[in-house]
Amino acid sequence: MVNELWLIHHSHTDIGFTQPQRIVFELHNQFIDQALDLIDQTADLPDDACFRWTCGSAGLVW
């Protein structure tokens, strides 16, 4: 049974739709850094409690 569910606010990428491209890429870099920090912070937890993340747009990690 799931006792806790974390919803992450970011799930779709339209570069330049909400902000100029430069700002979108800066924000995405911050989001990726935050996700990686959460992965590190939860690495010692049981497997089902570890933070998981999938980057939905490969261009953001290059």
Protein backbone atom coordinates (compact mmCIF):
# COMPACT_ATOMS: atom_id res chain seq x y z
CA MET A 1 0.00 0.00 0.00
CA VAL A 2 1.28 3.48 -0.84
CA ASN A 3 1.44 5.67 2.26
CA GLU A 4 3.07 8.70 0.69
CA LEU A 5 3.27 10.01 -2.85
CA TRP A 6 5.49 12.90 -3.95
CA LEU A 7 4.31 14.85 -6.95
CA ILE A 8 6.91 16.87 -8.79
CA HIS A 9 5.57 19.98 -10.47
CA HIS A 10 7.57 19.58 -13.66
CA SER A 11 6.54 17.09 -16.30
CA HIS A 12 6.56 18.61 -19.80
CA THR A 13 8.89 20.82 -21.82
CA ASP A 14 8.00 23.42 -24.42
CA ILE A 15 11.15 25.52 -24.70
CA GLY A 16 10.17 29.18 -24.99
CA PHE A 17 6.43 28.68 -24.35
CA THR A 18 6.36 29.97 -20.77
CA GLN A 19 9.59 31.99 -20.69
CA PRO A 20 12.36 32.99 -23.10
CA GLN A 21 14.55 30.02 -24.04
CA ARG A 22 17.53 31.22 -21.99
CA ILE A 23 15.43 31.39 -18.82
CA VAL A 24 13.82 27.99 -19.46
CA PHE A 25 17.24 26.36 -19.78
CA GLU A 26 18.45 28.09 -16.59
CA LEU A 27 15.38 26.87 -14.71
CA HIS A 28 15.76 23.34 -16.05
CA ASN A 29 19.39 23.29 -14.91
CA GLN A 30 18.18 24.21 -11.42
CA PHE A 31 15.48 21.51 -11.53
CA ILE A 32 18.02 18.89 -12.59
CA ASP A 33 20.39 19.93 -9.79
CA GLN A 34 17.53 19.70 -7.28
CA ALA A 35 16.53 16.25 -8.54
CA LEU A 36 20.12 15.00 -8.31
CA ASP A 37 20.38 16.37 -4.76
CA LEU A 38 17.22 14.47 -3.78
CA ILE A 39 18.60 11.30 -5.32
CA ASP A 40 21.75 11.68 -3.20
CA GLN A 41 19.77 12.57 -0.05
CA THR A 42 17.60 9.47 -0.32
CA ALA A 43 20.25 7.01 -1.52
CA ASP A 44 20.51 5.33 1.91
CA LEU A 45 16.76 4.83 2.28
CA PRO A 46 15.04 1.56 1.41
CA ASP A 47 14.75 1.12 -2.34
CA ASP A 48 11.03 1.88 -2.43
CA ALA A 49 11.63 5.18 -0.59
CA CYS A 50 14.41 6.49 -2.83
CA PHE A 51 13.69 9.49 -5.02
CA ARG A 52 13.39 8.62 -8.69
CA TRP A 53 13.53 10.98 -11.62
CA THR A 54 13.27 10.77 -15.38
CA CYS A 55 14.30 13.67 -17.59
CA GLY A 56 11.55 14.12 -20.15
CA SER A 57 13.66 16.06 -22.62
CA ALA A 58 17.14 14.86 -23.57
CA GLY A 59 18.19 18.30 -24.80
CA LEU A 60 18.13 19.54 -21.22
CA VAL A 61 20.86 17.20 -20.02
CA TRP A 62 23.34 17.89 -22.85
